[in-house]
Amino acid sequence: MMSDLHLQVKNIKNIACCDLELPLDKGLYAIVGENGCGKSTIMQAMSLLVKPSSRKSFRLFDFTSDSTIDIEVDGTIDHWFVLDGQWTTGVLQGNRIRSQNYYHGFYEGSIFYGSRFYDYNLVDSFLGKDNFASLIRPADGFVIETLSYILHGDRTHYKSLFKIKTKKTAEENGFKGIPYFLKCGDHFISQYNMSSGESMLISLIDFINNLTERNKYVSAKPLLFLIDEAELALHPAAIDRLISLFNDLIKKVNMVVVFSTHSTEIINRIEADNIFMLENNNGAITSLNPCYPNYAIRNLYVPNGYDFIILVEDELARAVVERLIRTNNMCESRLWHVVPSGDWAQTLKLQNDIQSSGLLGVGRRVISILDGDIQADGDTKAKEYGISLYTYLPIKSVEKYLRKKLITDPDSRFAKIIGDKYFTQRSLSDIVSDYNSSFDPTKDKTGKKLYKMLCANLLKVGITKERFIQYLCEDICTYENFSAFIATLRRMLS
């Protein structure tokens, strides 16, 4: 059963209201958006899942007496509210505030809200103890090698890294965490006096080491990592290697990693389905998902040689358009490039941004091709932008297309075609039956949950989502009538 996080935030900082749903399926996710849109505040609110004590990181001027945070997972809700100037759920367990939705995890709230300062004031006196050397031990090999690799590309750069011997030793000396120390010549420096990137990564890698290396983490619940603005502390090469580390870990461990970021290195390594773009409209937060990297960073790479940039909504649309252009010889003596850009509104906005900025230069054109179920809205928005070069596919998004063909308006002939070809281990009819019993189809209007179930079953027979898109493209181009669309596109490319 796939879980979703439903987060509602009211009256915190510049957020009047926010209603965000985020999957808790293993993988990498990104929350993106312009400066000041509320990304860090959302991450702070989400951090209550892994670290209820992070409620103290909200400052008095960040909230009011009627501020609230509601966190719901699988029907269980934690309602956080303000009582006597403090955040609480109103329920105590011993002397601690109780949170029903608790996940093992890690929260790094950027250099402004990070946990690296908690023990800072104790470190200098600890370093001055006569028996300091007897209170520390060499760091584990995983920590040394991983930290060295991420920051420097080798495995031994931090071979002189140490940490406090035990949790008991740390507590006896007043620490909340278990600090690390780097030996430099004949003296030591603490992780809190190292760079922001080093300090943050040491805490992160130590956490990973304890749960996945020293103790094999086994739970139905995923580990939840929340990392806010890693690019403020890490250089691009380090970010790239950090993403590689997480990708390797996700293959072995049930892990959800959420970045709040502006980093192109991070955004370009995450699937569009896992990117959520926040927009703040006078305090009301909306989320765009899927969000393609090109749209998120507004930094479309357009080599000077392209005559046409064709913007589409998703990967299926790209595969279909590319196939139709090639098989119908529509662009002889012309260079073209098809770019997935997100939903129809994002696609038209990106076309408007590119045209307004003059990014393509003289004599080159941008064309938007939108999915076929939003024509009235698309026409209105295109008119608002003054866009004339756009048209519609005779199909919807891959998720909506499959939902229609298999659930809302079942097409037995189509179901047999793809069932016989791809669902050879477990029948397509069984999967659809499971979907209908597990979910209310009326609440899965986008078809995302159905699509995830189909892809999960395909992966068991070695068919990745990317390969399935290509296969499905061939089936759709054969099954559906594209003649009118081909004629329209040919005129636009002439």
Foldseek 3Di string as FASTA:
>chain_A
DWKKKWKWWDFFAQAHIETDIATLFFDEFEEFEDPPLCLLVVLLLVCCQADVVSQVLRDLVGGDQAIWMWIDMPRDIQIWGADPSGIASPDDDVNHGDDPNHAHAEEASPPSSGPLCQCVVLPVVLQVDPCNVVQKDFDDQQLQQLLCCLAPNGRHPQRQKMWGDDPVSCVVSPHPDIWMWGDDPPGIDTLSPPFPLSNVSSVVSVSCCVDPPVHNHDDPRFHEYEYEASVVGGPLSSVLSVSVVSVVVSVPGRHYYYYHYLDLSSLVVHDLQRYWYWGQDSNYIDIFGSFHSCLRNVPDDDPLQAQEEEEEADDLVVLLVVVLCVVVVLAVVGHYYYDHGHALVRRLVSQLVCVVVCVNPPNHYYAYEHEDPCVVVNVVVCVVSVHDRYYYFPHHPPQQRCCCCVPVPDDVVLQVVCQVVQQPPHGPVVLSVVPVVPDPSVVPNSNPVSVVSVQVSSVVVPQHPSNVSNVVSVVCVVVDDCVVVSVSVSVSND
